């Protein structure tokens, strides 16, 4: 079971893993990885302003980051 996290934690984690923010909007920001490109969607969209994401959203974010080649342990260590 993964720990709960919010926007602030997720953004710190993505930065530590080498993602950079691009295309910032009022409620969302697009994160692209500096080096790793995957599939037809080589980015992650992060919803801003959430203190804690729900169980489904948390799992979805972890799955998306795993597609870039990171293990669940690496991701949860940085959250």
PDB file of N, CA and C in Angstrom:
ATOM      1  N   UNK A   1       0.841  -1.183   0.000  1.00  0.00           N
ATOM      2  CA  UNK A   1       0.000   0.000   0.000  1.00  0.00           C
ATOM      3  C   UNK A   1       0.883   1.242   0.000  1.00  0.00           C
ATOM      4  N   UNK A   2       0.606   2.175  -0.897  1.00  0.00           N
ATOM      5  CA  UNK A   2       1.404   3.384  -0.979  1.00  0.00           C
ATOM      6  C   UNK A   2       0.904   4.423   0.017  1.00  0.00           C
ATOM      7  N   UNK A   3       1.829   5.265   0.445  1.00  0.00           N
ATOM      8  CA  UNK A   3       1.430   6.304   1.390  1.00  0.00           C
ATOM      9  C   UNK A   3       0.670   7.410   0.655  1.00  0.00           C
ATOM     10  N   UNK A   4      -0.110   8.174   1.399  1.00  0.00           N
ATOM     11  CA  UNK A   4      -0.858   9.256   0.772  1.00  0.00           C
ATOM     12  C   UNK A   4       0.069  10.449   0.542  1.00  0.00           C
ATOM     13  N   UNK A   5      -0.201  11.183  -0.512  1.00  0.00           N
ATOM     14  CA  UNK A   5       0.603  12.350  -0.846  1.00  0.00           C
ATOM     15  C   UNK A   5      -0.257  13.349  -1.590  1.00  0.00           C
ATOM     16  N   UNK A   6       0.215  14.572  -1.642  1.00  0.00           N
ATOM     17  CA  UNK A   6      -0.498  15.646  -2.317  1.00  0.00           C
ATOM     18  C   UNK A   6       0.347  16.263  -3.406  1.00  0.00           C
ATOM     19  N   UNK A   7      -0.110  17.377  -3.940  1.00  0.00           N
ATOM     20  CA  UNK A   7       0.564  18.047  -5.042  1.00  0.00           C
ATOM     21  C   UNK A   7       2.003  18.414  -4.690  1.00  0.00           C
ATOM     22  N   UNK A   8       2.201  18.998  -3.516  1.00  0.00           N
ATOM     23  CA  UNK A   8       3.533  19.449  -3.115  1.00  0.00           C
ATOM     24  C   UNK A   8       4.521  18.278  -3.083  1.00  0.00           C
ATOM     25  N   UNK A   9       4.110  17.155  -2.496  1.00  0.00           N
ATOM     26  CA  UNK A   9       4.969  15.974  -2.412  1.00  0.00           C
ATOM     27  C   UNK A   9       5.255  15.401  -3.798  1.00  0.00           C
ATOM     28  N   UNK A  10       4.236  15.321  -4.638  1.00  0.00           N
ATOM     29  CA  UNK A  10       4.393  14.762  -5.975  1.00  0.00           C
ATOM     30  C   UNK A  10       5.337  15.621  -6.809  1.00  0.00           C
ATOM     31  N   UNK A  11       5.202  16.921  -6.737  1.00  0.00           N
ATOM     32  CA  UNK A  11       6.070  17.814  -7.512  1.00  0.00           C
ATOM     33  C   UNK A  11       7.524  17.697  -7.067  1.00  0.00           C
ATOM     34  N   UNK A  12       7.776  17.571  -5.747  1.00  0.00           N
ATOM     35  CA  UNK A  12       9.144  17.376  -5.246  1.00  0.00           C
ATOM     36  C   UNK A  12       9.714  16.061  -5.756  1.00  0.00           C
ATOM     37  N   UNK A  13       8.895  15.008  -5.708  1.00  0.00           N
ATOM     38  CA  UNK A  13       9.309  13.690  -6.162  1.00  0.00           C
ATOM     39  C   UNK A  13       9.690  13.723  -7.650  1.00  0.00           C
ATOM     40  N   UNK A  14       8.843  14.316  -8.468  1.00  0.00           N
ATOM     41  CA  UNK A  14       9.110  14.381  -9.897  1.00  0.00           C
ATOM     42  C   UNK A  14      10.396  15.147 -10.184  1.00  0.00           C
ATOM     43  N   UNK A  15      10.633  16.214  -9.456  1.00  0.00           N
ATOM     44  CA  UNK A  15      11.859  16.994  -9.638  1.00  0.00           C
ATOM     45  C   UNK A  15      13.089  16.145  -9.297  1.00  0.00           C
ATOM     46  N   UNK A  16      13.024  15.397  -8.192  1.00  0.00           N
ATOM     47  CA  UNK A  16      14.144  14.540  -7.791  1.00  0.00           C
ATOM     48  C   UNK A  16      14.413  13.452  -8.824  1.00  0.00           C
ATOM     49  N   UNK A  17      13.364  12.987  -9.504  1.00  0.00           N
ATOM     50  CA  UNK A  17      13.504  11.919 -10.493  1.00  0.00           C
ATOM     51  C   UNK A  17      13.885  12.440 -11.881  1.00  0.00           C
ATOM     52  N   UNK A  18      14.045  13.751 -12.024  1.00  0.00           N
ATOM     53  CA  UNK A  18      14.513  14.315 -13.285  1.00  0.00           C
ATOM     54  C   UNK A  18      13.446  14.860 -14.205  1.00  0.00           C
ATOM     55  N   UNK A  19      12.250  15.087 -13.706  1.00  0.00           N
ATOM     56  CA  UNK A  19      11.180  15.674 -14.510  1.00  0.00           C
ATOM     57  C   UNK A  19      11.257  17.194 -14.408  1.00  0.00           C
ATOM     58  N   UNK A  20      10.860  17.870 -15.481  1.00  0.00           N
ATOM     59  CA  UNK A  20      10.833  19.329 -15.471  1.00  0.00           C
ATOM     60  C   UNK A  20       9.424  19.809 -15.850  1.00  0.00           C
ATOM     61  N   UNK A  21       8.956  20.876 -15.182  1.00  0.00           N
ATOM     62  CA  UNK A  21       7.613  21.382 -15.483  1.00  0.00           C
ATOM     63  C   UNK A  21       7.580  22.174 -16.787  1.00  0.00           C
ATOM     64  N   UNK A  22       6.548  21.934 -17.569  1.00  0.00           N
ATOM     65  CA  UNK A  22       6.321  22.679 -18.814  1.00  0.00           C
ATOM     66  C   UNK A  22       4.815  22.851 -18.953  1.00  0.00           C
ATOM     67  N   UNK A  23       4.396  23.881 -19.590  1.00  0.00           N
ATOM     68  CA  UNK A  23       2.976  24.071 -19.861  1.00  0.00           C
ATOM     69  C   UNK A  23       2.134  24.252 -18.618  1.00  0.00           C
ATOM     70  N   UNK A  24       2.532  25.158 -17.738  1.00  0.00           N
ATOM     71  CA  UNK A  24       1.807  25.385 -16.496  1.00  0.00           C
ATOM     72  C   UNK A  24       0.488  26.099 -16.789  1.00  0.00           C
ATOM     73  N   UNK A  25      -0.601  25.553 -16.275  1.00  0.00           N
ATOM     74  CA  UNK A  25      -1.931  26.146 -16.378  1.00  0.00           C
ATOM     75  C   UNK A  25      -2.405  26.486 -14.976  1.00  0.00           C
ATOM     76  N   UNK A  26      -3.594  26.992 -14.856  1.00  0.00           N
ATOM     77  CA  UNK A  26      -4.088  27.400 -13.544  1.00  0.00           C
ATOM     78  C   UNK A  26      -4.331  26.215 -12.614  1.00  0.00           C
ATOM     79  N   UNK A  27      -4.765  25.082 -13.148  1.00  0.00           N
ATOM     80  CA  UNK A  27      -5.081  23.951 -12.274  1.00  0.00           C
ATOM     81  C   UNK A  27      -4.240  22.704 -12.557  1.00  0.00           C
ATOM     82  N   UNK A  28      -3.427  22.737 -13.615  1.00  0.00           N
ATOM     83  CA  UNK A  28      -2.615  21.585 -13.989  1.00  0.00           C
ATOM     84  C   UNK A  28      -1.242  22.034 -14.480  1.00  0.00           C
ATOM     85  N   UNK A  29      -0.279  21.123 -14.385  1.00  0.00           N
ATOM     86  CA  UNK A  29       1.047  21.380 -14.951  1.00  0.00           C
ATOM     87  C   UNK A  29       1.525  20.099 -15.625  1.00  0.00           C
ATOM     88  N   UNK A  30       2.189  20.252 -16.762  1.00  0.00           N
ATOM     89  CA  UNK A  30       2.710  19.117 -17.513  1.00  0.00           C
ATOM     90  C   UNK A  30       4.172  18.922 -17.119  1.00  0.00           C
ATOM     91  N   UNK A  31       4.539  17.688 -16.767  1.00  0.00           N
ATOM     92  CA  UNK A  31       5.922  17.353 -16.422  1.00  0.00           C
ATOM     93  C   UNK A  31       6.495  16.409 -17.465  1.00  0.00           C
ATOM     94  N   UNK A  32       7.648  16.778 -18.042  1.00  0.00           N
ATOM     95  CA  UNK A  32       8.364  15.948 -19.004  1.00  0.00           C
ATOM     96  C   UNK A  32       9.681  15.529 -18.368  1.00  0.00           C
ATOM     97  N   UNK A  33      10.162  14.342 -18.711  1.00  0.00           N
ATOM     98  CA  UNK A  33      11.441  13.890 -18.172  1.00  0.00           C
ATOM     99  C   UNK A  33      12.554  14.449 -19.036  1.00  0.00           C
ATOM    100  N   UNK A  34      13.677  14.809 -18.404  1.00  0.00           N
ATOM    101  CA  UNK A  34      14.810  15.399 -19.112  1.00  0.00           C
ATOM    102  C   UNK A  34      15.363  14.465 -20.180  1.00  0.00           C
ATOM    103  N   UNK A  35      15.438  13.168 -19.880  1.00  0.00           N
ATOM    104  CA  UNK A  35      16.110  12.228 -20.772  1.00  0.00           C
ATOM    105  C   UNK A  35      15.212  11.121 -21.289  1.00  0.00           C
ATOM    106  N   UNK A  36      14.352  10.581 -20.455  1.00  0.00           N
ATOM    107  CA  UNK A  36      13.556   9.409 -20.821  1.00  0.00           C
ATOM    108  C   UNK A  36      12.277   9.814 -21.539  1.00  0.00           C
ATOM    109  N   UNK A  37      12.054   9.221 -22.689  1.00  0.00           N
ATOM    110  CA  UNK A  37      10.825   9.462 -23.455  1.00  0.00           C
ATOM    111  C   UNK A  37      10.104   8.125 -23.597  1.00  0.00           C
ATOM    112  N   UNK A  38       8.819   8.116 -23.363  1.00  0.00           N
ATOM    113  CA  UNK A  38       8.049   6.874 -23.472  1.00  0.00           C
ATOM    114  C   UNK A  38       6.787   7.087 -24.279  1.00  0.00           C
ATOM    115  N   UNK A  39       6.469   6.121 -25.117  1.00  0.00           N
ATOM    116  CA  UNK A  39       5.188   6.075 -25.812  1.00  0.00           C
ATOM    117  C   UNK A  39       4.756   7.354 -26.496  1.00  0.00           C
ATOM    118  N   UNK A  40       3.464   7.438 -26.728  1.00  0.00           N
ATOM    119  CA  UNK A  40       2.906   8.594 -27.416  1.00  0.00           C
ATOM    120  C   UNK A  40       2.611   9.744 -26.459  1.00  0.00           C
ATOM    121  N   UNK A  41       2.727   9.486 -25.160  1.00  0.00           N
ATOM    122  CA  UNK A  41       2.468  10.521 -24.159  1.00  0.00           C
ATOM    123  C   UNK A  41       3.682  10.616 -23.226  1.00  0.00           C
ATOM    124  N   UNK A  42       4.741  11.314 -23.672  1.00  0.00           N
ATOM    125  CA  UNK A  42       5.979  11.371 -22.887  1.00  0.00           C
ATOM    126  C   UNK A  42       5.953  12.433 -21.787  1.00  0.00           C
ATOM    127  N   UNK A  43       4.823  12.548 -21.122  1.00  0.00           N
ATOM    128  CA  UNK A  43       4.693  13.533 -20.053  1.00  0.00           C
ATOM    129  C   UNK A  43       3.646  13.060 -19.058  1.00  0.00           C
ATOM    130  N   UNK A  44       3.598  13.742 -17.922  1.00  0.00           N
ATOM    131  CA  UNK A  44       2.613  13.461 -16.871  1.00  0.00           C
ATOM    132  C   UNK A  44       1.911  14.770 -16.558  1.00  0.00           C
ATOM    133  N   UNK A  45       0.599  14.746 -16.485  1.00  0.00           N
ATOM    134  CA  UNK A  45      -0.183  15.925 -16.107  1.00  0.00           C
ATOM    135  C   UNK A  45      -0.480  15.823 -14.610  1.00  0.00           C
ATOM    136  N   UNK A  46      -0.091  16.856 -13.867  1.00  0.00           N
ATOM    137  CA  UNK A  46      -0.294  16.873 -12.416  1.00  0.00           C
ATOM    138  C   UNK A  46      -1.362  17.905 -12.067  1.00  0.00           C
ATOM    139  N   UNK A  47      -2.363  17.462 -11.336  1.00  0.00           N
ATOM    140  CA  UNK A  47      -3.406  18.375 -10.863  1.00  0.00           C
ATOM    141  C   UNK A  47      -2.862  19.137  -9.661  1.00  0.00           C
ATOM    142  N   UNK A  48      -2.961  20.445  -9.704  1.00  0.00           N
ATOM    143  CA  UNK A  48      -2.428  21.298  -8.646  1.00  0.00           C
ATOM    144  C   UNK A  48      -3.447  21.530  -7.532  1.00  0.00           C
ATOM    145  N   UNK A  49      -2.939  21.925  -6.374  1.00  0.00           N
ATOM    146  CA  UNK A  49      -3.786  22.367  -5.274  1.00  0.00           C
ATOM    147  C   UNK A  49      -4.430  21.282  -4.442  1.00  0.00           C
ATOM    148  N   UNK A  50      -3.941  20.054  -4.512  1.00  0.00           N
ATOM    149  CA  UNK A  50      -4.512  18.966  -3.716  1.00  0.00           C
ATOM    150  C   UNK A  50      -3.617  18.676  -2.519  1.00  0.00           C
ATOM    151  N   UNK A  51      -4.191  18.737  -1.315  1.00  0.00           N
ATOM    152  CA  UNK A  51      -3.423  18.385  -0.111  1.00  0.00           C
ATOM    153  C   UNK A  51      -3.152  16.894  -0.087  1.00  0.00           C
ATOM    154  N   UNK A  52      -4.143  16.102  -0.507  1.00  0.00           N
ATOM    155  CA  UNK A  52      -3.996  14.652  -0.584  1.00  0.00           C
ATOM    156  C   UNK A  52      -4.803  14.139  -1.759  1.00  0.00           C
ATOM    157  N   UNK A  53      -4.156  13.350  -2.630  1.00  0.00           N
ATOM    158  CA  UNK A  53      -4.859  12.716  -3.735  1.00  0.00           C
ATOM    159  C   UNK A  53      -5.600  11.492  -3.210  1.00  0.00           C
ATOM    160  N   UNK A  54      -6.680  11.132  -3.849  1.00  0.00           N
ATOM    161  CA  UNK A  54      -7.409   9.921  -3.500  1.00  0.00           C
ATOM    162  C   UNK A  54      -6.600   8.684  -3.877  1.00  0.00           C
ATOM    163  N   UNK A  55      -7.070   7.534  -3.422  1.00  0.00           N
ATOM    164  CA  UNK A  55      -6.364   6.268  -3.658  1.00  0.00           C
ATOM    165  C   UNK A  55      -6.160   6.008  -5.152  1.00  0.00           C
ATOM    166  N   UNK A  56      -7.192   6.213  -5.956  1.00  0.00           N
ATOM    167  CA  UNK A  56      -7.085   5.956  -7.395  1.00  0.00           C
ATOM    168  C   UNK A  56      -6.114   6.918  -8.071  1.00  0.00           C
ATOM    169  N   UNK A  57      -6.187   8.193  -7.729  1.00  0.00           N
ATOM    170  CA  UNK A  57      -5.290   9.175  -8.328  1.00  0.00           C
ATOM    171  C   UNK A  57      -3.845   8.893  -7.932  1.00  0.00           C
ATOM    172  N   UNK A  58      -3.607   8.544  -6.675  1.00  0.00           N
ATOM    173  CA  UNK A  58      -2.257   8.228  -6.209  1.00  0.00           C
ATOM    174  C   UNK A  58      -1.677   7.052  -6.988  1.00  0.00           C
ATOM    175  N   UNK A  59      -2.460   6.004  -7.140  1.00  0.00           N
ATOM    176  CA  UNK A  59      -2.021   4.815  -7.886  1.00  0.00           C
ATOM    177  C   UNK A  59      -1.748   5.157  -9.345  1.00  0.00           C
ATOM    178  N   UNK A  60      -2.586   5.992  -9.920  1.00  0.00           N
ATOM    179  CA  UNK A  60      -2.426   6.386 -11.321  1.00  0.00           C
ATOM    180  C   UNK A  60      -1.120   7.163 -11.519  1.00  0.00           C
ATOM    181  N   UNK A  61      -0.817   8.092 -10.605  1.00  0.00           N
ATOM    182  CA  UNK A  61       0.433   8.846 -10.728  1.00  0.00           C
ATOM    183  C   UNK A  61       1.643   7.926 -10.603  1.00  0.00           C
ATOM    184  N   UNK A  62       1.608   7.005  -9.662  1.00  0.00           N
ATOM    185  CA  UNK A  62       2.727   6.072  -9.493  1.00  0.00           C
ATOM    186  C   UNK A  62       2.890   5.213 -10.744  1.00  0.00           C
ATOM    187  N   UNK A  63       1.793   4.748 -11.313  1.00  0.00           N
ATOM    188  CA  UNK A  63       1.850   3.941 -12.540  1.00  0.00           C
ATOM    189  C   UNK A  63       2.434   4.735 -13.702  1.00  0.00           C
ATOM    190  N   UNK A  64       2.050   5.986 -13.811  1.00  0.00           N
ATOM    191  CA  UNK A  64       2.565   6.822 -14.899  1.00  0.00           C
ATOM    192  C   UNK A  64       4.071   7.027 -14.763  1.00  0.00           C
ATOM    193  N   UNK A  65       4.547   7.264 -13.547  1.00  0.00           N
ATOM    194  CA  UNK A  65       5.984   7.467 -13.342  1.00  0.00           C
ATOM    195  C   UNK A  65       6.740   6.157 -13.592  1.00  0.00           C
ATOM    196  N   UNK A  66       6.149   5.029 -13.223  1.00  0.00           N
ATOM    197  CA  UNK A  66       6.776   3.726 -13.461  1.00  0.00           C
ATOM    198  C   UNK A  66       6.990   3.479 -14.955  1.00  0.00           C
ATOM    199  N   UNK A  67       6.141   4.036 -15.808  1.00  0.00           N
ATOM    200  CA  UNK A  67       6.301   3.863 -17.259  1.00  0.00           C
ATOM    201  C   UNK A  67       7.591   4.497 -17.770  1.00  0.00           C
ATOM    202  N   UNK A  68       8.172   5.388 -17.002  1.00  0.00           N
ATOM    203  CA  UNK A  68       9.438   6.012 -17.380  1.00  0.00           C
ATOM    204  C   UNK A  68      10.637   5.189 -16.902  1.00  0.00           C
ATOM    205  N   UNK A  69      10.374   4.017 -16.307  1.00  0.00           N
ATOM    206  CA  UNK A  69      11.456   3.112 -15.912  1.00  0.00           C
ATOM    207  C   UNK A  69      11.838   3.157 -14.448  1.00  0.00           C
ATOM    208  N   UNK A  70      11.081   3.845 -13.636  1.00  0.00           N
ATOM    209  CA  UNK A  70      11.364   3.920 -12.205  1.00  0.00           C
ATOM    210  C   UNK A  70      10.589   2.833 -11.468  1.00  0.00           C
ATOM    211  N   UNK A  71      11.183   2.286 -10.409  1.00  0.00           N
ATOM    212  CA  UNK A  71      10.490   1.275  -9.610  1.00  0.00           C
ATOM    213  C   UNK A  71       9.568   1.964  -8.606  1.00  0.00           C
ATOM    214  N   UNK A  72       8.605   1.204  -8.112  1.00  0.00           N
ATOM    215  CA  UNK A  72       7.669   1.742  -7.115  1.00  0.00           C
ATOM    216  C   UNK A  72       8.434   2.181  -5.869  1.00  0.00           C
ATOM    217  N   UNK A  73       9.465   1.428  -5.509  1.00  0.00           N
ATOM    218  CA  UNK A  73      10.275   1.766  -4.332  1.00  0.00           C
ATOM    219  C   UNK A  73      11.004   3.086  -4.514  1.00  0.00           C
ATOM    220  N   UNK A  74      11.565   3.322  -5.724  1.00  0.00           N
ATOM    221  CA  UNK A  74      12.253   4.591  -6.002  1.00  0.00           C
ATOM    222  C   UNK A  74      11.288   5.762  -5.870  1.00  0.00           C
ATOM    223  N   UNK A  75      10.105   5.573  -6.396  1.00  0.00           N
ATOM    224  CA  UNK A  75       9.107   6.654  -6.395  1.00  0.00           C
ATOM    225  C   UNK A  75       8.660   6.942  -4.974  1.00  0.00           C
ATOM    226  N   UNK A  76       8.283   5.900  -4.228  1.00  0.00           N
ATOM    227  CA  UNK A  76       7.766   6.100  -2.862  1.00  0.00           C
ATOM    228  C   UNK A  76       8.847   6.621  -1.916  1.00  0.00           C
ATOM    229  N   UNK A  77      10.110   6.327  -2.215  1.00  0.00           N
ATOM    230  CA  UNK A  77      11.210   6.833  -1.386  1.00  0.00           C
ATOM    231  C   UNK A  77      11.286   8.365  -1.479  1.00  0.00           C
ATOM    232  N   UNK A  78      11.001   8.900  -2.657  1.00  0.00           N
ATOM    233  CA  UNK A  78      11.082  10.337  -2.868  1.00  0.00           C
ATOM    234  C   UNK A  78       9.802  11.095  -2.550  1.00  0.00           C
ATOM    235  N   UNK A  79       8.719  10.364  -2.269  1.00  0.00           N
ATOM    236  CA  UNK A  79       7.456  11.045  -1.953  1.00  0.00           C
ATOM    237  C   UNK A  79       7.437  11.586  -0.555  1.00  0.00           C
TER     238      UNK A  79
END
